[in-house]
Every structure is written in C-alpha cells, then in structure tokens.
Amino acid sequence: MILFIPQEVDLGLGLFVVTPERAQAADFTHPVDIMSNRMLISRGLTQVEPWAFLLPLGSFVWVAILAALLGSLSVTILLPYSLHVETLSTGWYSNATRCIRILMQQGGL
C-alpha cells in the first residue's frame, strides 16, 4: 500500500493512465499544460540513383520481361499482315509502340 502524505506534490512529465488502484492511492488533477514539441533535424544530402528501379527485380526477371515485350511486339507487328488489307489502317509506329504503352500503362497517342 502506498502512503499518501498531504502537502507533498509529485509531478508527472509523461502520459499516465488512471487505473482504479492509482485513483485510490492518489488525487489526480487535470493536466496543467499539454505541449506537442517536434524536433527537426536534417538527414544530410541524399543521392538519387537513376537506375534504382532495376534493383527490386533480378536480372533474370528483367530478361524475361524484355523477351516477352519483344515477342509481343513482333506478334503485334507481324499479325496484321496475315489479315485483310482493310485492317492495315494503323501505321507501323502505332503497332510498334502499342506493347510499350500497355506495359507502361499509358494511354493511346
């Protein structure tokens, strides 16, 4: 059991939770002041690596992505030549960049 002596004050400089045991042992008051202080420090200069997007995936994955891109590009370019002449209305540039636009999830030109 904690003895409570009148005329003695203890200050708490942190956050306290009032539990039933603490409420019986001491008289709690409202906080006098609540301050939110922040400290700003610099981290130093950051160096930007322009090829950092290559790091999350391994070299085999990048080779597989490029092979799939080249394969789908060749199919996109060669497949319209097996169709009728009326379907060849799109130019070679649109056919060549279609796979890249899909891979990059960009809109049409």
N, C-alpha and C. Protein backbone atom coordinates (compact mmCIF):
# COMPACT_ATOMS: atom_id res chain seq x y z
N MET A 1 0.85 -1.17 0.00
CA MET A 1 0.00 0.00 0.00
C MET A 1 0.89 1.24 0.00
N ILE A 2 0.51 2.22 -0.80
CA ILE A 2 1.27 3.45 -0.90
C ILE A 2 0.69 4.47 0.07
N LEU A 3 1.58 5.07 0.86
CA LEU A 3 1.13 6.09 1.80
C LEU A 3 1.03 7.43 1.09
N PHE A 4 -0.03 8.14 1.37
CA PHE A 4 -0.23 9.46 0.79
C PHE A 4 -0.07 10.50 1.88
N ILE A 5 0.91 11.37 1.70
CA ILE A 5 1.18 12.41 2.68
C ILE A 5 0.70 13.74 2.11
N PRO A 6 -0.20 14.43 2.80
CA PRO A 6 -0.65 15.73 2.30
C PRO A 6 0.51 16.72 2.25
N GLN A 7 0.37 17.76 1.46
CA GLN A 7 1.37 18.80 1.28
C GLN A 7 2.58 18.33 0.48
N GLU A 8 2.50 17.22 -0.13
CA GLU A 8 3.59 16.73 -0.96
C GLU A 8 3.06 16.57 -2.39
N VAL A 9 3.83 17.05 -3.33
CA VAL A 9 3.38 17.05 -4.72
C VAL A 9 4.38 16.30 -5.58
N ASP A 10 3.89 15.42 -6.41
CA ASP A 10 4.70 14.76 -7.42
C ASP A 10 4.17 15.17 -8.79
N LEU A 11 5.10 15.51 -9.65
CA LEU A 11 4.72 15.91 -11.00
C LEU A 11 5.05 14.78 -11.97
N GLY A 12 4.15 14.52 -12.85
CA GLY A 12 4.39 13.53 -13.90
C GLY A 12 4.59 14.23 -15.23
N LEU A 13 5.73 14.01 -15.84
CA LEU A 13 6.03 14.65 -17.12
C LEU A 13 5.72 13.75 -18.30
N GLY A 14 4.90 12.79 -18.10
CA GLY A 14 4.52 11.89 -19.19
C GLY A 14 3.03 11.64 -19.14
N LEU A 15 2.57 10.76 -20.01
CA LEU A 15 1.16 10.41 -20.03
C LEU A 15 0.91 9.28 -19.05
N PHE A 16 -0.10 9.44 -18.21
CA PHE A 16 -0.45 8.42 -17.23
C PHE A 16 -1.88 7.98 -17.45
N VAL A 17 -2.12 6.71 -17.23
CA VAL A 17 -3.46 6.17 -17.29
C VAL A 17 -3.96 6.03 -15.87
N VAL A 18 -5.15 6.55 -15.61
CA VAL A 18 -5.72 6.48 -14.27
C VAL A 18 -6.42 5.13 -14.14
N THR A 19 -5.82 4.25 -13.37
CA THR A 19 -6.41 2.95 -13.09
C THR A 19 -7.12 3.03 -11.74
N PRO A 20 -7.97 2.08 -11.43
CA PRO A 20 -8.64 2.13 -10.12
C PRO A 20 -7.66 2.11 -8.94
N GLU A 21 -6.56 1.38 -9.08
CA GLU A 21 -5.58 1.35 -7.99
C GLU A 21 -4.92 2.71 -7.82
N ARG A 22 -4.58 3.36 -8.92
CA ARG A 22 -3.97 4.68 -8.83
C ARG A 22 -4.97 5.73 -8.34
N ALA A 23 -6.21 5.58 -8.72
CA ALA A 23 -7.22 6.55 -8.27
C ALA A 23 -7.43 6.46 -6.76
N GLN A 24 -7.29 5.28 -6.18
CA GLN A 24 -7.41 5.15 -4.73
C GLN A 24 -6.16 5.63 -4.02
N ALA A 25 -5.01 5.53 -4.66
CA ALA A 25 -3.76 5.87 -3.99
C ALA A 25 -3.44 7.35 -4.05
N ALA A 26 -3.93 8.07 -5.04
CA ALA A 26 -3.53 9.47 -5.18
C ALA A 26 -4.70 10.29 -5.70
N ASP A 27 -4.60 11.59 -5.48
CA ASP A 27 -5.58 12.53 -6.02
C ASP A 27 -5.05 13.02 -7.37
N PHE A 28 -5.84 12.82 -8.40
CA PHE A 28 -5.44 13.24 -9.73
C PHE A 28 -6.11 14.56 -10.08
N THR A 29 -5.40 15.40 -10.76
CA THR A 29 -5.96 16.65 -11.26
C THR A 29 -5.89 16.64 -12.78
N HIS A 30 -6.40 17.67 -13.36
CA HIS A 30 -6.31 17.81 -14.81
C HIS A 30 -4.90 18.27 -15.17
N PRO A 31 -4.44 17.94 -16.34
CA PRO A 31 -3.10 18.38 -16.73
C PRO A 31 -3.04 19.90 -16.84
N VAL A 32 -1.93 20.45 -16.38
CA VAL A 32 -1.75 21.90 -16.41
C VAL A 32 -1.52 22.35 -17.85
N ASP A 33 -0.67 21.66 -18.57
CA ASP A 33 -0.34 22.07 -19.92
C ASP A 33 0.04 20.83 -20.73
N ILE A 34 -0.45 20.78 -21.94
CA ILE A 34 -0.09 19.70 -22.86
C ILE A 34 0.62 20.35 -24.04
N MET A 35 1.86 19.96 -24.25
CA MET A 35 2.64 20.53 -25.35
C MET A 35 3.03 19.42 -26.32
N SER A 36 2.99 19.76 -27.57
CA SER A 36 3.46 18.84 -28.60
C SER A 36 4.68 19.47 -29.26
N ASN A 37 5.83 19.02 -28.88
CA ASN A 37 7.07 19.56 -29.44
C ASN A 37 7.59 18.63 -30.52
N ARG A 38 8.16 19.22 -31.54
CA ARG A 38 8.76 18.45 -32.61
C ARG A 38 10.20 18.91 -32.77
N MET A 39 11.04 17.99 -33.15
CA MET A 39 12.44 18.33 -33.39
C MET A 39 12.74 18.03 -34.85
N LEU A 40 13.23 19.03 -35.54
CA LEU A 40 13.58 18.87 -36.95
C LEU A 40 15.09 18.82 -37.08
N ILE A 41 15.56 17.76 -37.70
CA ILE A 41 16.99 17.64 -37.96
C ILE A 41 17.15 17.24 -39.42
N SER A 42 18.27 17.57 -39.97
CA SER A 42 18.50 17.21 -41.37
C SER A 42 19.11 15.82 -41.45
N ARG A 43 18.77 15.12 -42.51
CA ARG A 43 19.31 13.78 -42.72
C ARG A 43 20.58 13.81 -43.55
N GLY A 44 20.92 14.93 -44.03
CA GLY A 44 22.07 15.00 -44.91
C GLY A 44 21.63 14.98 -46.35
N LEU A 45 22.56 15.03 -47.23
CA LEU A 45 22.25 15.05 -48.65
C LEU A 45 21.95 13.64 -49.14
N THR A 46 20.86 13.52 -49.88
CA THR A 46 20.51 12.23 -50.46
C THR A 46 21.04 12.16 -51.88
N GLN A 47 21.49 11.02 -52.25
CA GLN A 47 21.98 10.81 -53.61
C GLN A 47 20.93 10.02 -54.37
N VAL A 48 20.50 10.57 -55.47
CA VAL A 48 19.48 9.93 -56.28
C VAL A 48 20.15 9.00 -57.28
N GLU A 49 19.74 7.76 -57.24
CA GLU A 49 20.26 6.77 -58.18
C GLU A 49 19.25 6.62 -59.32
N PRO A 50 19.59 7.03 -60.53
CA PRO A 50 18.61 7.00 -61.62
C PRO A 50 18.22 5.58 -62.05
N TRP A 51 19.03 4.59 -61.76
CA TRP A 51 18.72 3.22 -62.16
C TRP A 51 18.24 2.38 -60.98
N ALA A 52 17.74 3.02 -59.93
CA ALA A 52 17.31 2.29 -58.74
C ALA A 52 16.06 1.45 -58.99
N PHE A 53 15.29 1.77 -60.03
CA PHE A 53 14.10 0.97 -60.31
C PHE A 53 14.45 -0.44 -60.76
N LEU A 54 15.70 -0.67 -61.17
CA LEU A 54 16.12 -2.01 -61.58
C LEU A 54 16.43 -2.92 -60.39
N LEU A 55 16.66 -2.35 -59.23
CA LEU A 55 17.12 -3.13 -58.09
C LEU A 55 16.10 -4.11 -57.51
N PRO A 56 14.78 -3.79 -57.44
CA PRO A 56 13.87 -4.75 -56.81
C PRO A 56 13.75 -6.08 -57.54
N LEU A 57 13.95 -6.09 -58.86
CA LEU A 57 13.82 -7.33 -59.62
C LEU A 57 15.19 -7.83 -60.04
N GLY A 58 15.31 -9.14 -60.13
CA GLY A 58 16.57 -9.74 -60.53
C GLY A 58 16.81 -9.62 -62.03
N SER A 59 18.02 -9.97 -62.44
CA SER A 59 18.37 -9.84 -63.86
C SER A 59 17.58 -10.82 -64.72
N PHE A 60 17.30 -12.02 -64.20
CA PHE A 60 16.51 -12.99 -64.97
C PHE A 60 15.10 -12.47 -65.23
N VAL A 61 14.53 -11.79 -64.25
CA VAL A 61 13.17 -11.24 -64.42
C VAL A 61 13.17 -10.15 -65.48
N TRP A 62 14.19 -9.28 -65.47
CA TRP A 62 14.26 -8.22 -66.48
C TRP A 62 14.47 -8.81 -67.88
N VAL A 63 15.27 -9.85 -67.99
CA VAL A 63 15.47 -10.50 -69.29
C VAL A 63 14.16 -11.13 -69.76
N ALA A 64 13.41 -11.74 -68.84
CA ALA A 64 12.13 -12.34 -69.20
C ALA A 64 11.12 -11.27 -69.63
N ILE A 65 11.11 -10.13 -68.95
CA ILE A 65 10.21 -9.04 -69.32
C ILE A 65 10.56 -8.51 -70.71
N LEU A 66 11.84 -8.31 -70.97
CA LEU A 66 12.25 -7.81 -72.29
C LEU A 66 11.97 -8.83 -73.39
N ALA A 67 12.16 -10.12 -73.09
CA ALA A 67 11.85 -11.15 -74.09
C ALA A 67 10.36 -11.19 -74.38
N ALA A 68 9.54 -11.08 -73.34
CA ALA A 68 8.09 -11.06 -73.55
C ALA A 68 7.67 -9.81 -74.31
N LEU A 69 8.31 -8.69 -74.02
CA LEU A 69 7.99 -7.45 -74.73
C LEU A 69 8.37 -7.56 -76.21
N LEU A 70 9.56 -8.10 -76.49
CA LEU A 70 9.97 -8.27 -77.89
C LEU A 70 9.10 -9.29 -78.61
N GLY A 71 8.71 -10.35 -77.91
CA GLY A 71 7.83 -11.35 -78.53
C GLY A 71 6.46 -10.78 -78.84
N SER A 72 5.88 -10.06 -77.90
CA SER A 72 4.57 -9.47 -78.16
C SER A 72 4.65 -8.36 -79.19
N LEU A 73 5.78 -7.64 -79.23
CA LEU A 73 5.97 -6.61 -80.25
C LEU A 73 6.05 -7.23 -81.64
N SER A 74 6.77 -8.33 -81.76
CA SER A 74 6.86 -8.99 -83.08
C SER A 74 5.52 -9.56 -83.50
N VAL A 75 4.76 -10.11 -82.56
CA VAL A 75 3.42 -10.61 -82.91
C VAL A 75 2.52 -9.46 -83.31
N THR A 76 2.62 -8.34 -82.61
CA THR A 76 1.79 -7.18 -82.93
C THR A 76 2.11 -6.62 -84.31
N ILE A 77 3.38 -6.64 -84.67
CA ILE A 77 3.77 -6.11 -85.98
C ILE A 77 3.46 -7.10 -87.10
N LEU A 78 3.70 -8.39 -86.88
CA LEU A 78 3.55 -9.38 -87.95
C LEU A 78 2.13 -9.90 -88.12
N LEU A 79 1.32 -9.90 -87.08
CA LEU A 79 -0.03 -10.45 -87.16
C LEU A 79 -0.94 -9.69 -88.12
N PRO A 80 -0.90 -8.37 -88.17
CA PRO A 80 -1.80 -7.68 -89.13
C PRO A 80 -1.51 -8.00 -90.59
N TYR A 81 -0.32 -8.43 -90.92
CA TYR A 81 -0.01 -8.77 -92.31
C TYR A 81 -0.68 -10.05 -92.76
N SER A 82 -1.17 -10.85 -91.82
CA SER A 82 -1.90 -12.06 -92.20
C SER A 82 -3.40 -11.78 -92.36
N LEU A 83 -3.83 -10.57 -92.06
CA LEU A 83 -5.24 -10.21 -92.18
C LEU A 83 -5.49 -9.53 -93.52
N HIS A 84 -6.72 -9.10 -93.74
CA HIS A 84 -7.08 -8.42 -94.98
C HIS A 84 -6.42 -7.05 -95.04
N VAL A 85 -6.39 -6.49 -96.21
CA VAL A 85 -5.76 -5.19 -96.43
C VAL A 85 -6.52 -4.08 -95.72
N GLU A 86 -7.83 -4.22 -95.53
CA GLU A 86 -8.62 -3.18 -94.89
C GLU A 86 -8.25 -3.00 -93.42
N THR A 87 -7.74 -4.03 -92.80
CA THR A 87 -7.40 -3.94 -91.38
C THR A 87 -6.04 -3.32 -91.14
N LEU A 88 -5.28 -3.03 -92.18
CA LEU A 88 -3.94 -2.46 -92.03
C LEU A 88 -3.97 -0.94 -91.99
N SER A 89 -5.05 -0.36 -91.48
CA SER A 89 -5.17 1.09 -91.49
C SER A 89 -4.25 1.75 -90.47
N THR A 90 -3.83 1.05 -89.44
CA THR A 90 -2.92 1.65 -88.46
C THR A 90 -1.49 1.60 -89.00
N GLY A 91 -0.71 2.59 -88.62
CA GLY A 91 0.66 2.67 -89.11
C GLY A 91 1.60 1.78 -88.32
N TRP A 92 2.81 1.66 -88.81
CA TRP A 92 3.80 0.81 -88.15
C TRP A 92 4.20 1.38 -86.80
N TYR A 93 4.19 2.71 -86.68
CA TYR A 93 4.58 3.33 -85.41
C TYR A 93 3.59 2.99 -84.30
N SER A 94 2.30 3.01 -84.64
CA SER A 94 1.28 2.66 -83.65
C SER A 94 1.39 1.20 -83.25
N ASN A 95 1.66 0.33 -84.22
CA ASN A 95 1.84 -1.08 -83.90
C ASN A 95 3.08 -1.31 -83.05
N ALA A 96 4.14 -0.59 -83.35
CA ALA A 96 5.40 -0.80 -82.64
C ALA A 96 5.34 -0.30 -81.21
N THR A 97 4.57 0.74 -80.96
CA THR A 97 4.53 1.31 -79.61
C THR A 97 3.36 0.81 -78.77
N ARG A 98 2.50 -0.01 -79.34
CA ARG A 98 1.33 -0.47 -78.60
C ARG A 98 1.74 -1.29 -77.37
N CYS A 99 2.69 -2.19 -77.52
CA CYS A 99 3.13 -3.02 -76.39
C CYS A 99 3.81 -2.19 -75.32
N ILE A 100 4.58 -1.23 -75.74
CA ILE A 100 5.26 -0.38 -74.76
C ILE A 100 4.24 0.45 -73.99
N ARG A 101 3.21 0.97 -74.68
CA ARG A 101 2.17 1.74 -74.00
C ARG A 101 1.40 0.88 -73.02
N ILE A 102 1.13 -0.37 -73.39
CA ILE A 102 0.42 -1.27 -72.49
C ILE A 102 1.29 -1.60 -71.28
N LEU A 103 2.58 -1.84 -71.51
CA LEU A 103 3.48 -2.17 -70.41
C LEU A 103 3.61 -0.99 -69.45
N MET A 104 3.70 0.20 -69.97
CA MET A 104 3.84 1.39 -69.13
C MET A 104 2.49 1.91 -68.64
N GLN A 105 1.40 1.29 -69.06
CA GLN A 105 0.03 1.66 -68.69
C GLN A 105 -0.28 3.11 -69.03
N GLN A 106 0.17 3.52 -70.19
CA GLN A 106 -0.13 4.85 -70.68
C GLN A 106 -1.31 4.76 -71.64
N GLY A 107 -1.89 5.89 -71.95
CA GLY A 107 -2.99 5.94 -72.90
C GLY A 107 -2.48 5.88 -74.31
N GLY A 108 -3.39 5.95 -75.23
CA GLY A 108 -3.01 5.95 -76.64
C GLY A 108 -2.41 7.28 -77.05
N LEU A 109 -1.74 7.28 -78.17
CA LEU A 109 -1.14 8.52 -78.67
C LEU A 109 -2.13 9.36 -79.42
